[in-house]
């Protein structure tokens, strides 16, 4: 029996759920523990909000006796239904809305696969699909190979054990064989950590690798919590977009200078091509969350949610603490962070293209250690004043201020530069 569920196992689960077979019986058939089956269904099932045949999605507990009319006249509603209870938009726009959740979803089997009433139910439904579950599993396997599995504290303990012994001339094999219970990772993993620069020793320190020249230590960033990807993958992002049409998208990335030195946090508002550039002393998650806390304090919760409701970023370790961005005040969820697939920068082309303007002023490989946020403010002012063809030659500064106002712009000290005064050369900050 393999450790992980196979595609055939998942097909069996899907088929058995259709006939309302208990999780215990499914577990016995697959020779697995009941908790394994339960966890698989809960983690890999998907939510469906499409309503039912002839009726739109409506999760309001008052849907059967509601007599509300014209809830969203500002949207120029053209629906011919007598009451808003039959309209798919009423849940989002009615101030009296209270969500009704089916009791069946809070108990075994946690999905609607075998429900006989699903074709006449307008509530949110949860389904388990073997095909979707297998795809999600493969994506998780890819993600698991990125970065370091252990926490920073655990890596530090490992380093304190093996580093002195390696410097005494001992091999990795010898160290691992005599310290298995303390190190708690495989010999292969130790070699990987050294290769990635996560430990204070290098390949040159290993007895069997002395023939190689010493390489630059790679600054390895590892995720605070790999669970941050759950519910935030690119597939989840696409589903979120379907459920929130006409929402403004924000893309987030990092622009590096000299390796190990200061970096830029870039926040790009796709609809207006407006970009924030925020200088950080180190490329870590703490410096990212500090800037988002600064934005929150500068504009307030309402505008923070308006500006940053949907954020798409990559899998960099600096973005591995989404909770500090989403719940910046520690309470309300004001933003939604999603991640691209690994090594898929093409999924956020707008911000990548805008980085080209930054590189005209700060060429790749050039140090930013001598720069201050005031220098970056000047760069922001010139880049955001530069007209864009996609905006009918309007500048991002004008487009953003027209849509969102000047509160954030003024807080960051960004100014509008006259078209003929714009400089996109390194001389701007020299």
Protein backbone atom coordinates (compact mmCIF):
# COMPACT_ATOMS: atom_id res chain seq x y z
CA UNK A 1 0.00 0.00 0.00
CA UNK A 2 1.38 3.39 -1.01
CA UNK A 3 1.58 6.19 1.51
CA UNK A 4 -0.43 8.61 -0.65
CA UNK A 5 -3.85 8.13 -2.19
CA UNK A 6 -3.73 7.23 -5.89
CA UNK A 7 -5.99 8.43 -8.68
CA UNK A 8 -7.80 5.07 -8.57
CA UNK A 9 -8.39 5.56 -4.83
CA UNK A 10 -9.89 8.98 -5.52
CA UNK A 11 -12.13 7.55 -8.25
CA UNK A 12 -13.37 4.98 -5.73
CA UNK A 13 -14.09 7.72 -3.17
CA UNK A 14 -16.04 9.77 -5.74
CA UNK A 15 -18.06 6.73 -6.86
CA UNK A 16 -18.90 5.63 -3.30
CA UNK A 17 -19.98 9.13 -2.29
CA UNK A 18 -22.59 9.09 -5.08
CA UNK A 19 -24.29 6.17 -3.32
CA UNK A 20 -23.97 7.71 0.18
CA UNK A 21 -21.58 5.02 1.38
CA UNK A 22 -20.22 5.93 4.82
CA UNK A 23 -16.66 7.13 5.21
CA UNK A 24 -15.90 4.13 7.43
CA UNK A 25 -16.92 1.72 4.67
CA UNK A 26 -14.90 3.63 2.08
CA UNK A 27 -11.88 3.54 4.40
CA UNK A 28 -12.22 -0.24 4.86
CA UNK A 29 -12.45 -0.82 1.11
CA UNK A 30 -9.29 1.24 0.47
CA UNK A 31 -7.50 -0.14 3.54
CA UNK A 32 -7.05 3.34 4.93
CA UNK A 33 -7.91 5.08 8.18
CA UNK A 34 -11.26 6.88 8.27
CA UNK A 35 -9.51 10.18 9.10
CA UNK A 36 -7.48 9.89 5.87
CA UNK A 37 -10.66 9.70 3.80
CA UNK A 38 -12.32 12.48 5.78
CA UNK A 39 -9.29 14.76 5.40
CA UNK A 40 -9.06 14.03 1.67
CA UNK A 41 -12.71 14.98 1.12
CA UNK A 42 -12.57 18.14 3.23
CA UNK A 43 -9.32 19.44 1.77
CA UNK A 44 -9.87 18.60 -1.91
CA UNK A 45 -13.58 19.18 -2.42
CA UNK A 46 -14.70 22.30 -4.30
CA UNK A 47 -17.54 24.76 -3.71
CA UNK A 48 -20.20 25.27 -6.36
CA UNK A 49 -22.35 28.43 -6.33
CA UNK A 50 -24.27 27.95 -9.57
CA UNK A 51 -27.73 27.42 -8.09
CA UNK A 52 -29.91 24.72 -9.62
CA UNK A 53 -31.96 24.06 -12.71
CA UNK A 54 -34.13 27.09 -13.47
CA UNK A 55 -33.00 29.05 -10.37
CA UNK A 56 -29.96 31.22 -9.64
CA UNK A 57 -27.63 30.73 -6.68
CA UNK A 58 -29.26 32.13 -3.56
CA UNK A 59 -27.95 31.36 -0.09
CA UNK A 60 -30.15 33.75 1.88
CA UNK A 61 -32.06 32.19 4.76
CA UNK A 62 -35.03 34.42 3.90
CA UNK A 63 -35.19 33.29 0.25
CA UNK A 64 -38.52 31.43 0.54
CA UNK A 65 -40.59 34.28 1.97
CA UNK A 66 -38.66 37.34 0.74
CA UNK A 67 -40.72 40.09 -0.87
CA UNK A 68 -37.92 42.59 -1.54
CA UNK A 69 -37.92 44.44 -4.87
CA UNK A 70 -35.46 46.68 -6.72
CA UNK A 71 -32.53 46.03 -4.38
CA UNK A 72 -29.92 47.16 -6.88
CA UNK A 73 -31.42 49.91 -9.08
CA UNK A 74 -28.02 51.59 -9.38
CA UNK A 75 -26.84 48.57 -11.32
CA UNK A 76 -29.51 49.26 -13.94
CA UNK A 77 -31.02 45.85 -13.33
CA UNK A 78 -33.01 44.51 -16.26
CA UNK A 79 -34.25 41.33 -14.57
CA UNK A 80 -37.93 40.64 -15.21
CA UNK A 81 -38.49 38.64 -12.02
CA UNK A 82 -41.12 40.01 -9.70
CA UNK A 83 -38.96 39.63 -6.60
CA UNK A 84 -35.21 39.90 -6.03
CA UNK A 85 -35.14 36.48 -4.38
CA UNK A 86 -34.92 34.97 -7.87
CA UNK A 87 -31.95 37.12 -8.88
CA UNK A 88 -28.33 36.01 -8.57
CA UNK A 89 -27.24 39.49 -7.48
CA UNK A 90 -29.48 39.87 -4.43
CA UNK A 91 -27.07 38.16 -1.99
CA UNK A 92 -24.35 40.71 -2.73
CA UNK A 93 -26.53 43.80 -2.58
CA UNK A 94 -29.23 43.19 0.01
CA UNK A 95 -28.55 44.64 3.47
CA UNK A 96 -30.80 42.01 5.08
CA UNK A 97 -28.85 39.07 3.63
CA UNK A 98 -27.89 36.27 6.04
CA UNK A 99 -26.20 33.20 4.63
CA UNK A 100 -27.90 29.83 5.00
CA UNK A 101 -25.52 26.86 5.03
CA UNK A 102 -26.79 23.33 4.58
CA UNK A 103 -26.46 21.23 7.76
CA UNK A 104 -25.27 18.27 5.68
CA UNK A 105 -21.98 20.05 4.92
CA UNK A 106 -20.99 20.25 8.58
CA UNK A 107 -21.22 16.48 9.14
CA UNK A 108 -20.07 13.34 7.33
CA UNK A 109 -19.61 13.04 4.35
CA UNK A 110 -19.25 16.87 4.08
CA UNK A 111 -20.18 16.96 0.37
CA UNK A 112 -23.29 16.95 -1.79
CA UNK A 113 -22.28 14.14 -4.16
CA UNK A 114 -25.03 11.77 -2.99
CA UNK A 115 -27.69 14.32 -2.04
CA UNK A 116 -31.04 13.67 -3.76
CA UNK A 117 -32.07 17.32 -3.36
CA UNK A 118 -29.04 18.91 -4.98
CA UNK A 119 -30.84 19.55 -8.28
CA UNK A 120 -33.39 21.80 -6.57
CA UNK A 121 -31.16 23.45 -3.99
CA UNK A 122 -30.00 27.05 -4.49
CA UNK A 123 -27.44 27.03 -1.64
CA UNK A 124 -23.68 26.72 -2.01
CA UNK A 125 -22.79 23.10 -2.70
CA UNK A 126 -19.60 21.18 -2.08
CA UNK A 127 -18.53 18.38 -4.40
CA UNK A 128 -15.68 15.90 -4.43
CA UNK A 129 -14.20 15.20 -7.87
CA UNK A 130 -11.41 12.64 -8.32
CA UNK A 131 -10.02 14.53 -11.31
CA UNK A 132 -9.90 17.87 -9.47
CA UNK A 133 -8.49 16.27 -6.31
CA UNK A 134 -5.70 14.55 -8.26
CA UNK A 135 -4.78 17.83 -9.99
CA UNK A 136 -4.67 19.61 -6.61
CA UNK A 137 -2.50 16.80 -5.21
CA UNK A 138 0.01 17.11 -8.07
CA UNK A 139 0.21 20.88 -7.57
CA UNK A 140 0.92 20.30 -3.89
CA UNK A 141 3.74 17.92 -4.80
CA UNK A 142 5.32 20.62 -6.96
CA UNK A 143 4.97 23.20 -4.18
CA UNK A 144 6.46 20.82 -1.63
CA UNK A 145 9.69 20.69 -3.60
CA UNK A 146 10.12 24.45 -3.42
CA UNK A 147 11.99 25.92 -0.48
CA UNK A 148 12.80 24.31 2.85
CA UNK A 149 10.39 22.14 4.76
CA UNK A 150 11.63 22.95 8.26
CA UNK A 151 11.06 26.15 10.16
CA UNK A 152 13.91 28.67 10.64
CA UNK A 153 14.26 27.54 14.25
CA UNK A 154 14.58 23.88 13.22
CA UNK A 155 17.14 24.73 10.54
CA UNK A 156 19.17 26.65 13.13
CA UNK A 157 19.22 23.61 15.46
CA UNK A 158 20.37 21.36 12.60
CA UNK A 159 23.10 23.84 11.70
CA UNK A 160 24.35 24.03 15.30
CA UNK A 161 24.75 20.23 15.29
CA UNK A 162 26.37 19.53 11.94
CA UNK A 163 28.43 22.70 11.27
CA UNK A 164 31.04 22.10 14.04
CA UNK A 165 31.32 18.41 13.11
CA UNK A 166 31.85 19.18 9.41
CA UNK A 167 34.58 21.68 10.35
CA UNK A 168 36.21 18.84 12.32
CA UNK A 169 36.48 16.95 9.04
CA UNK A 170 33.53 14.58 9.48
CA UNK A 171 31.39 13.56 6.50
CA UNK A 172 27.65 14.10 6.21
CA UNK A 173 27.12 10.34 6.23
CA UNK A 174 29.07 9.92 9.47
CA UNK A 175 27.29 12.83 11.16
CA UNK A 176 23.86 11.62 10.09
CA UNK A 177 24.52 8.03 11.13
CA UNK A 178 25.46 9.09 14.65
CA UNK A 179 22.90 11.87 15.16
CA UNK A 180 19.74 10.54 13.48
CA UNK A 181 17.51 11.06 16.48
CA UNK A 182 18.59 14.67 16.93
CA UNK A 183 18.74 15.87 13.32
CA UNK A 184 15.42 14.31 12.22
CA UNK A 185 16.01 14.81 8.47
CA UNK A 186 17.50 12.52 5.86
CA UNK A 187 21.11 12.54 4.69
CA UNK A 188 19.95 13.68 1.25
CA UNK A 189 18.11 16.62 2.81
CA UNK A 190 21.25 17.73 4.61
CA UNK A 191 23.14 17.83 1.31
CA UNK A 192 20.27 19.86 -0.19
CA UNK A 193 20.30 22.37 2.67
CA UNK A 194 24.04 22.89 2.21
CA UNK A 195 23.63 23.23 -1.56
CA UNK A 196 20.87 25.83 -1.07
CA UNK A 197 22.94 27.86 1.38
CA UNK A 198 20.57 27.34 4.29
CA UNK A 199 23.39 26.29 6.62
CA UNK A 200 26.57 28.05 7.70
CA UNK A 201 28.78 25.51 5.90
CA UNK A 202 29.41 25.22 2.16
CA UNK A 203 30.21 22.45 -0.29
CA UNK A 204 33.86 23.42 -0.03
CA UNK A 205 33.78 22.27 3.62
CA UNK A 206 32.75 18.74 2.68
CA UNK A 207 35.61 16.21 2.43
CA UNK A 208 34.35 14.68 -0.82
CA UNK A 209 33.73 18.04 -2.53
CA UNK A 210 37.04 19.78 -1.96
CA UNK A 211 37.83 19.52 -5.65
CA UNK A 212 35.15 22.11 -6.36
CA UNK A 213 35.80 25.83 -5.98
CA UNK A 214 33.82 27.55 -3.23
CA UNK A 215 30.58 28.95 -4.54
CA UNK A 216 28.73 32.03 -3.44
CA UNK A 217 26.34 31.27 -0.64
CA UNK A 218 22.82 31.27 -1.95
CA UNK A 219 20.42 33.25 0.17
CA UNK A 220 17.67 30.77 0.72
CA UNK A 221 14.24 31.96 1.62
CA UNK A 222 11.83 29.47 3.03
CA UNK A 223 8.17 29.74 3.72
CA UNK A 224 6.86 30.70 7.13
CA UNK A 225 4.06 28.22 6.69
CA UNK A 226 3.42 26.08 3.62
CA UNK A 227 -0.24 25.99 4.59
CA UNK A 228 -0.41 29.54 3.28
CA UNK A 229 -1.02 28.06 -0.18
CA UNK A 230 -4.19 26.24 0.85
CA UNK A 231 -7.15 27.97 -0.76
CA UNK A 232 -4.83 30.54 -2.35
CA UNK A 233 -3.48 28.75 -5.43
CA UNK A 234 -3.93 30.09 -8.93
CA UNK A 235 -6.87 27.76 -9.52
CA UNK A 236 -8.54 29.31 -6.43
CA UNK A 237 -7.76 32.75 -7.86
CA UNK A 238 -9.61 31.92 -11.08
CA UNK A 239 -12.63 30.71 -9.11
CA UNK A 240 -12.56 33.88 -7.01
CA UNK A 241 -12.56 36.01 -10.16
CA UNK A 242 -15.65 34.21 -11.45
CA UNK A 243 -17.45 34.90 -8.20
CA UNK A 244 -16.34 38.55 -8.04
CA UNK A 245 -16.76 39.96 -11.52
CA UNK A 246 -15.48 43.44 -12.41
CA UNK A 247 -13.18 43.45 -9.38
CA UNK A 248 -9.91 45.39 -9.58
CA UNK A 249 -6.78 43.20 -9.59
CA UNK A 250 -3.57 44.08 -7.76
CA UNK A 251 -0.29 42.30 -8.58
CA UNK A 252 2.63 42.14 -6.17
CA UNK A 253 6.30 41.32 -6.69
CA UNK A 254 9.88 42.04 -5.62
CA UNK A 255 12.60 43.92 -7.53
CA UNK A 256 16.09 43.07 -6.33
CA UNK A 257 19.22 45.19 -6.39
CA UNK A 258 22.50 43.76 -5.19
CA UNK A 259 22.03 40.23 -3.88
CA UNK A 260 21.53 40.37 -0.13
CA UNK A 261 20.97 44.13 -0.13
CA UNK A 262 17.91 46.39 -0.21
CA UNK A 263 14.96 45.40 -2.39
CA UNK A 264 11.73 46.94 -3.64
CA UNK A 265 8.23 45.73 -2.88
CA UNK A 266 6.16 46.55 -5.96
CA UNK A 267 2.36 46.76 -5.88
CA UNK A 268 0.75 47.21 -9.29
CA UNK A 269 -2.88 48.26 -9.79
CA UNK A 270 -3.69 46.59 -13.11
CA UNK A 271 -6.70 48.69 -14.12
CA UNK A 272 -4.81 52.00 -13.81
CA UNK A 273 -1.18 50.80 -14.40
CA UNK A 274 -0.29 52.64 -11.18
CA UNK A 275 2.63 51.13 -9.25
CA UNK A 276 3.80 51.54 -5.68
CA UNK A 277 7.50 50.98 -4.96
CA UNK A 278 8.40 50.48 -1.33
CA UNK A 279 12.01 50.12 -0.21
CA UNK A 280 12.88 47.27 2.16
CA UNK A 281 16.15 46.58 3.97
CA UNK A 282 15.73 42.81 3.67
CA UNK A 283 13.73 40.49 1.43
CA UNK A 284 11.60 38.79 4.07
CA UNK A 285 7.94 38.47 5.00
CA UNK A 286 8.24 40.78 7.98
CA UNK A 287 9.32 43.74 5.83
CA UNK A 288 6.37 43.11 3.48
CA UNK A 289 3.80 43.00 6.28
CA UNK A 290 5.26 46.18 7.80
CA UNK A 291 4.59 48.10 4.60
CA UNK A 292 1.03 46.81 4.38
CA UNK A 293 0.47 47.86 7.99
CA UNK A 294 1.79 51.29 7.01
CA UNK A 295 -0.68 51.48 4.10
CA UNK A 296 -3.52 50.43 6.42
CA UNK A 297 -2.63 53.15 8.94
CA UNK A 298 -2.35 55.72 6.15
CA UNK A 299 -5.67 55.10 4.36
CA UNK A 300 -7.89 53.29 6.91
CA UNK A 301 -9.77 49.97 6.70
CA UNK A 302 -12.41 50.99 4.14
CA UNK A 303 -9.96 52.29 1.54
CA UNK A 304 -7.51 49.48 2.29
CA UNK A 305 -10.19 46.94 1.35
CA UNK A 306 -11.15 48.94 -1.75
CA UNK A 307 -7.56 49.19 -2.95
CA UNK A 308 -6.23 45.74 -2.03
CA UNK A 309 -9.23 43.40 -2.06
CA UNK A 310 -7.63 41.02 -4.60
CA UNK A 311 -3.86 40.49 -4.71
CA UNK A 312 -1.96 38.09 -6.99
CA UNK A 313 1.69 37.36 -6.29
CA UNK A 314 4.34 34.68 -6.76
CA UNK A 315 5.67 32.00 -4.42
CA UNK A 316 8.55 34.04 -3.00
CA UNK A 317 9.29 33.44 0.66
CA UNK A 318 8.73 37.15 1.36
CA UNK A 319 5.03 36.65 0.57
CA UNK A 320 4.56 33.59 2.75
CA UNK A 321 2.62 35.32 5.53
CA UNK A 322 -0.64 36.30 3.77
CA UNK A 323 -2.59 36.60 7.04
CA UNK A 324 -0.65 39.78 7.91
CA UNK A 325 -1.84 41.27 4.61
CA UNK A 326 -5.40 39.95 4.59
CA UNK A 327 -6.14 40.66 8.26
CA UNK A 328 -3.75 43.53 8.73
CA UNK A 329 -5.68 44.75 11.78
CA UNK A 330 -5.72 41.24 13.25
CA UNK A 331 -9.50 41.00 12.95
CA UNK A 332 -11.41 41.60 9.72
CA UNK A 333 -10.42 40.06 6.41
CA UNK A 334 -9.83 43.09 4.20
CA UNK A 335 -7.82 41.52 1.37
CA UNK A 336 -7.48 38.21 -0.49
CA UNK A 337 -4.01 36.98 -1.45
CA UNK A 338 -3.48 34.35 -4.15
CA UNK A 339 -0.32 32.76 -5.58
CA UNK A 340 0.72 32.00 -9.15
CA UNK A 341 1.94 28.53 -10.03
CA UNK A 342 5.70 28.15 -9.33
CA UNK A 343 7.96 29.62 -12.01
CA UNK A 344 5.00 31.19 -13.83
CA UNK A 345 5.76 34.91 -13.99
CA UNK A 346 3.74 35.04 -17.23
CA UNK A 347 0.56 34.80 -15.15
CA UNK A 348 1.05 38.41 -14.02
CA UNK A 349 2.47 40.08 -17.14
CA UNK A 350 1.31 43.61 -16.26
CA UNK A 351 3.61 44.03 -13.29
CA UNK A 352 6.49 42.29 -15.05
CA UNK A 353 6.19 44.71 -17.98
CA UNK A 354 6.09 47.70 -15.63
CA UNK A 355 9.32 46.51 -14.01
CA UNK A 356 11.04 47.37 -17.29
CA UNK A 357 10.48 51.05 -16.48
CA UNK A 358 12.10 50.57 -13.07
CA UNK A 359 15.09 48.88 -14.71
CA UNK A 360 15.62 51.92 -16.94
CA UNK A 361 16.36 53.88 -13.77
CA UNK A 362 17.78 51.10 -11.57
CA UNK A 363 19.51 48.60 -13.89
CA UNK A 364 19.51 44.94 -12.91
CA UNK A 365 22.36 44.09 -10.55
CA UNK A 366 22.82 47.65 -9.34
CA UNK A 367 22.83 48.12 -5.58
CA UNK A 368 19.97 49.96 -3.91
CA UNK A 369 21.71 50.10 -0.55
CA UNK A 370 22.47 53.82 -0.90
CA UNK A 371 18.86 54.72 -1.76
CA UNK A 372 16.16 55.97 0.59
CA UNK A 373 12.38 55.87 0.31
CA UNK A 374 12.56 59.53 -0.78
CA UNK A 375 14.66 58.43 -3.77
CA UNK A 376 12.09 55.75 -4.55
CA UNK A 377 9.31 58.34 -4.17
CA UNK A 378 10.96 60.32 -6.95
CA UNK A 379 11.16 57.18 -9.12
CA UNK A 380 7.46 56.49 -8.46
CA UNK A 381 6.53 60.05 -9.41
CA UNK A 382 8.28 59.86 -12.79
CA UNK A 383 7.13 56.34 -13.71
CA UNK A 384 3.50 56.97 -12.70
CA UNK A 385 3.45 60.25 -14.64
CA UNK A 386 4.55 58.47 -17.82
CA UNK A 387 1.61 58.12 -20.24
CA UNK A 388 0.35 54.67 -21.24
CA UNK A 389 -1.10 53.66 -24.58
CA UNK A 390 -3.59 51.31 -22.86
CA UNK A 391 -4.94 54.33 -20.92
CA UNK A 392 -5.35 56.37 -24.13
CA UNK A 393 -2.10 58.18 -23.27
CA UNK A 394 -3.36 59.13 -19.81
CA UNK A 395 -0.82 58.73 -17.01
CA UNK A 396 -1.28 56.12 -14.24
CA UNK A 397 -1.13 59.02 -11.76
CA UNK A 398 -4.22 60.64 -13.32
CA UNK A 399 -6.07 57.34 -13.78
CA UNK A 400 -5.43 56.21 -10.19
CA UNK A 401 -6.26 59.55 -8.57
CA UNK A 402 -9.43 59.84 -10.62
CA UNK A 403 -10.61 56.43 -9.48
CA UNK A 404 -9.31 56.16 -5.92
CA UNK A 405 -8.51 59.73 -4.85
CA UNK A 406 -5.30 61.22 -3.50
CA UNK A 407 -5.11 59.79 0.03
CA UNK A 408 -2.53 57.08 -0.69
CA UNK A 409 -0.71 59.22 -3.26
CA UNK A 410 -0.28 62.07 -0.78
CA UNK A 411 0.71 59.73 2.06
CA UNK A 412 3.59 58.40 -0.06
CA UNK A 413 4.54 61.84 -1.32
CA UNK A 414 4.07 60.94 -5.00
CA UNK A 415 3.88 63.97 -7.28
CA UNK A 416 2.75 64.46 -10.85
CA UNK A 417 5.63 65.23 -13.20
CA UNK A 418 5.02 67.26 -16.33
CA UNK A 419 5.32 65.10 -19.50
CA UNK A 420 8.37 66.91 -20.84
CA UNK A 421 10.15 66.73 -17.46
CA UNK A 422 9.93 62.95 -17.05
CA UNK A 423 13.30 61.20 -16.74
CA UNK A 424 13.60 57.41 -17.06
CA UNK A 425 17.39 57.16 -16.80
CA UNK A 426 19.78 56.27 -13.92
CA UNK A 427 20.68 59.97 -13.77
CA UNK A 428 17.31 60.60 -12.04
CA UNK A 429 18.62 59.38 -8.66
CA UNK A 430 22.33 60.08 -8.99
